[in-house]
Amino acid sequence: MALQAMSDAELALSISGMALRTLIMEIERDRREERRTDSFKKVTSKYKEYRTKHQTLAKVFNQDSEFQLFRDGLKKKDEQLAKKDEELKERDDELMRAIGRCSELEAALKAKDDA
């Protein structure tokens, strides 16, 4: 509707409607911002709480001799597992080579039988 064709009452009503919608949008924006701020504060406090707990445990873990023995045992076990993994990979490679040789021999025998 053209602005000139509107009566003053219609124009005033439209302007007040737009003002009301703007106000509602601003209120909703403020609510969302407040929720985000609250969420951020909660996440920040949880982060600080868990960081403090982690630092405390790390201090105990690094300073206690029993934990040192435990860590050394874990390191030794990890090295053993890595060695075992390498051995298994070597065995797997050997098996794959043997399967390849058997396949070649089988193909050669089949060709001989067919001839």
Protein backbone atom coordinates (compact mmCIF):
# COMPACT_ATOMS: atom_id res chain seq x y z
CA MET A 1 0.00 0.00 0.00
CA ALA A 2 1.42 3.39 -0.93
CA LEU A 3 2.23 5.80 1.87
CA GLN A 4 0.02 8.57 0.41
CA ALA A 5 -2.99 6.25 0.25
CA MET A 6 -2.79 5.41 3.97
CA SER A 7 -4.72 7.37 6.49
CA ASP A 8 -2.96 8.83 9.50
CA ALA A 9 -4.53 6.19 11.75
CA GLU A 10 -3.35 3.33 9.53
CA LEU A 11 0.13 4.83 9.32
CA ALA A 12 0.30 5.27 13.10
CA LEU A 13 -0.91 1.68 13.57
CA SER A 14 1.72 0.36 11.13
CA ILE A 15 4.50 2.33 12.81
CA SER A 16 3.45 1.16 16.27
CA GLY A 17 3.30 -2.44 14.95
CA MET A 18 6.84 -2.16 13.57
CA ALA A 19 8.03 -0.62 16.84
CA LEU A 20 6.43 -3.49 18.77
CA ARG A 21 8.05 -6.10 16.50
CA THR A 22 11.42 -4.35 16.89
CA LEU A 23 11.02 -4.35 20.66
CA ILE A 24 10.11 -8.06 20.67
CA MET A 25 13.16 -8.85 18.51
CA GLU A 26 15.44 -6.88 20.84
CA ILE A 27 14.05 -8.69 23.89
CA GLU A 28 14.53 -12.06 22.19
CA ARG A 29 18.09 -11.12 21.17
CA ASP A 30 18.87 -10.12 24.77
CA ARG A 31 17.46 -13.44 26.06
CA ARG A 32 19.59 -15.41 23.62
CA GLU A 33 22.67 -13.42 24.55
CA GLU A 34 21.97 -14.01 28.24
CA ARG A 35 21.58 -17.76 27.62
CA ARG A 36 24.85 -17.85 25.69
CA THR A 37 26.58 -15.92 28.46
CA ASP A 38 25.22 -18.30 31.10
CA SER A 39 26.28 -21.32 29.04
CA PHE A 40 29.75 -19.86 28.53
CA LYS A 41 30.09 -19.19 32.27
CA LYS A 42 29.07 -22.79 33.06
CA VAL A 43 31.50 -24.21 30.53
CA THR A 44 34.27 -21.96 31.82
CA SER A 45 33.67 -22.98 35.43
CA LYS A 46 33.57 -26.69 34.50
CA TYR A 47 36.80 -26.27 32.53
CA LYS A 48 38.52 -24.63 35.50
CA GLU A 49 37.21 -27.32 37.85
CA TYR A 50 38.44 -30.20 35.68
CA ARG A 51 41.73 -28.45 34.92
CA THR A 52 42.37 -28.11 38.67
CA LYS A 53 41.52 -31.78 39.23
CA HIS A 54 43.81 -32.79 36.36
CA GLN A 55 46.68 -30.69 37.70
CA THR A 56 46.28 -32.24 41.15
CA LEU A 57 46.29 -35.76 39.74
CA ALA A 58 49.26 -34.96 37.51
CA LYS A 59 51.24 -33.74 40.51
CA VAL A 60 50.44 -36.91 42.46
CA PHE A 61 51.17 -39.09 39.45
CA ASN A 62 54.53 -37.42 38.79
CA GLN A 63 55.72 -37.23 42.40
CA ASP A 64 54.62 -40.55 43.89
CA SER A 65 57.22 -43.34 43.56
CA GLU A 66 54.53 -46.03 43.24
CA PHE A 67 53.10 -44.21 40.26
CA GLN A 68 56.63 -43.92 38.86
CA LEU A 69 56.96 -47.71 39.03
CA PHE A 70 53.53 -48.04 37.44
CA ARG A 71 54.53 -45.68 34.60
CA ASP A 72 57.78 -47.58 34.08
CA GLY A 73 55.81 -50.83 33.92
CA LEU A 74 53.42 -49.33 31.38
CA LYS A 75 56.32 -48.09 29.28
CA LYS A 76 57.96 -51.53 29.37
CA LYS A 77 54.68 -53.21 28.42
CA ASP A 78 54.20 -50.72 25.59
CA GLU A 79 57.69 -51.51 24.27
CA GLN A 80 56.93 -55.24 24.45
CA LEU A 81 53.70 -54.74 22.54
CA ALA A 82 55.48 -52.68 19.87
CA LYS A 83 58.09 -55.45 19.49
CA LYS A 84 55.37 -58.10 19.26
CA ASP A 85 53.55 -55.97 16.66
CA GLU A 86 56.71 -55.80 14.52
CA GLU A 87 57.16 -59.58 14.80
CA LEU A 88 53.57 -60.17 13.74
CA LYS A 89 53.97 -57.83 10.77
CA GLU A 90 57.09 -59.71 9.69
CA ARG A 91 55.27 -63.06 9.97
CA ASP A 92 52.35 -61.66 8.01
CA ASP A 93 54.71 -60.49 5.26
CA GLU A 94 56.33 -63.94 5.15
CA LEU A 95 52.92 -65.60 4.87
CA MET A 96 51.87 -63.26 2.07
CA ARG A 97 55.09 -64.04 0.16
CA ALA A 98 54.54 -67.79 0.68
CA ILE A 99 50.94 -67.49 -0.55
CA GLY A 100 52.19 -65.58 -3.59
CA ARG A 101 54.76 -68.30 -4.36
CA CYS A 102 52.12 -71.04 -3.93
CA SER A 103 49.78 -69.19 -6.27
CA GLU A 104 52.53 -68.93 -8.89
CA LEU A 105 53.35 -72.64 -8.54
CA GLU A 106 49.67 -73.56 -8.72
CA ALA A 107 49.28 -71.53 -11.90
CA ALA A 108 52.38 -73.20 -13.39
CA LEU A 109 51.07 -76.69 -12.50
CA LYS A 110 47.66 -75.89 -13.94
CA ALA A 111 49.30 -74.68 -17.16
CA LYS A 112 51.37 -77.90 -17.29
CA ASP A 113 48.27 -80.06 -16.75
CA ASP A 114 46.37 -78.22 -19.46
CA ALA A 115 49.21 -78.66 -21.94
